[in-house]
Amino acid sequence: MCAVQLRHVGAVEDALLVHRARGASMDATGAIDAELMLGAGVARTKEYLTTVCTEEAREILDVITWVEEAYDPGHYAAFLDRYYRVGSH
């Protein structure tokens, strides 16, 4: 819940906090979506992380790259369509 609130604040520095929360356990990694690190937007977050110059920042940049490459809007829209159609019955 805190990661969702941080995302809505949109402070670029919160990407680090959300990443740390995700790494707290295997369950946290699965429960806290990587997209929650992007409250300030993809471009701004990537720009910020390149200035931080730490191993943690490089790890987050790798995750962001994976999210960008793996995201398929059509697949996601179809998933939501199926989910809400099943859920609405």
Protein backbone atom coordinates (compact mmCIF):
# COMPACT_ATOMS: atom_id res chain seq x y z
CA MET A 1 0.00 0.00 0.00
CA CYS A 2 2.84 2.39 0.79
CA ALA A 3 4.42 1.76 -2.63
CA VAL A 4 1.15 2.73 -4.30
CA GLN A 5 1.02 5.94 -2.27
CA LEU A 6 4.63 6.74 -3.13
CA ARG A 7 3.90 6.24 -6.82
CA HIS A 8 1.05 8.73 -6.66
CA VAL A 9 3.28 11.34 -5.01
CA GLY A 10 5.54 11.12 -8.06
CA ALA A 11 8.84 11.97 -6.36
CA VAL A 12 11.62 10.53 -8.50
CA GLU A 13 13.71 9.59 -5.44
CA ASP A 14 10.97 7.21 -4.30
CA ALA A 15 12.05 4.75 -6.99
CA LEU A 16 14.83 3.76 -4.59
CA LEU A 17 12.44 3.23 -1.68
CA VAL A 18 10.06 1.13 -3.75
CA HIS A 19 12.96 -0.93 -5.11
CA ARG A 20 14.17 -1.61 -1.56
CA ALA A 21 10.67 -2.62 -0.49
CA ARG A 22 10.44 -4.99 -3.46
CA GLY A 23 13.72 -6.59 -2.44
CA ALA A 24 12.65 -7.20 1.15
CA SER A 25 11.46 -10.72 0.33
CA MET A 26 10.46 -12.97 -2.54
CA ASP A 27 6.82 -12.30 -1.71
CA ALA A 28 7.38 -8.54 -1.73
CA THR A 29 9.07 -8.75 -5.13
CA GLY A 30 5.99 -10.46 -6.53
CA ALA A 31 3.49 -8.26 -4.70
CA ILE A 32 5.01 -4.86 -5.48
CA ASP A 33 4.90 -4.20 -9.21
CA ALA A 34 8.01 -2.73 -10.80
CA GLU A 35 5.82 -0.07 -12.38
CA LEU A 36 5.34 1.43 -8.91
CA MET A 37 8.93 2.70 -9.13
CA LEU A 38 7.89 4.93 -12.02
CA GLY A 39 5.70 7.51 -10.29
CA ALA A 40 7.77 10.33 -11.75
CA GLY A 41 7.54 8.81 -15.23
CA VAL A 42 9.86 6.50 -17.12
CA ALA A 43 12.10 9.13 -18.72
CA ARG A 44 12.52 11.22 -15.58
CA THR A 45 13.19 8.15 -13.41
CA LYS A 46 15.79 6.81 -15.85
CA GLU A 47 17.46 10.22 -16.03
CA TYR A 48 17.60 10.45 -12.24
CA LEU A 49 18.97 6.94 -11.82
CA THR A 50 21.78 7.55 -14.29
CA THR A 51 22.93 10.44 -12.10
CA VAL A 52 22.87 8.35 -8.91
CA CYS A 53 25.67 6.06 -10.17
CA THR A 54 25.20 3.20 -7.69
CA GLU A 55 24.77 -0.53 -8.15
CA GLU A 56 21.22 -0.21 -6.86
CA ALA A 57 20.43 2.44 -9.48
CA ARG A 58 21.86 0.19 -12.22
CA GLU A 59 19.67 -2.69 -10.97
CA ILE A 60 16.59 -0.46 -11.13
CA LEU A 61 17.51 0.67 -14.64
CA ASP A 62 17.73 -3.00 -15.66
CA VAL A 63 14.26 -3.62 -14.23
CA ILE A 64 12.87 -0.58 -16.04
CA THR A 65 14.40 -1.79 -19.30
CA TRP A 66 12.80 -5.19 -18.78
CA VAL A 67 9.42 -3.58 -18.09
CA GLU A 68 9.70 -1.44 -21.22
CA GLU A 69 10.66 -4.40 -23.41
CA ALA A 70 8.10 -6.79 -21.92
CA TYR A 71 5.13 -4.42 -22.01
CA ASP A 72 2.62 -5.26 -24.70
CA PRO A 73 -0.42 -2.96 -24.54
CA GLY A 74 -2.60 -5.33 -26.56
CA HIS A 75 -1.83 -8.27 -24.29
CA TYR A 76 -2.41 -6.17 -21.18
CA ALA A 77 -5.72 -4.82 -22.50
CA ALA A 78 -6.86 -8.37 -23.34
CA PHE A 79 -5.93 -9.51 -19.83
CA LEU A 80 -7.95 -6.69 -18.27
CA ASP A 81 -10.84 -7.45 -20.57
CA ARG A 82 -10.89 -11.11 -19.53
CA TYR A 83 -10.40 -10.26 -15.87
CA TYR A 84 -13.25 -7.79 -15.66
CA ARG A 85 -15.62 -9.83 -17.76
CA VAL A 86 -15.13 -12.84 -15.49
CA GLY A 87 -15.25 -10.65 -12.40
CA SER A 88 -18.49 -8.94 -13.45
CA HIS A 89 -20.54 -12.16 -13.70
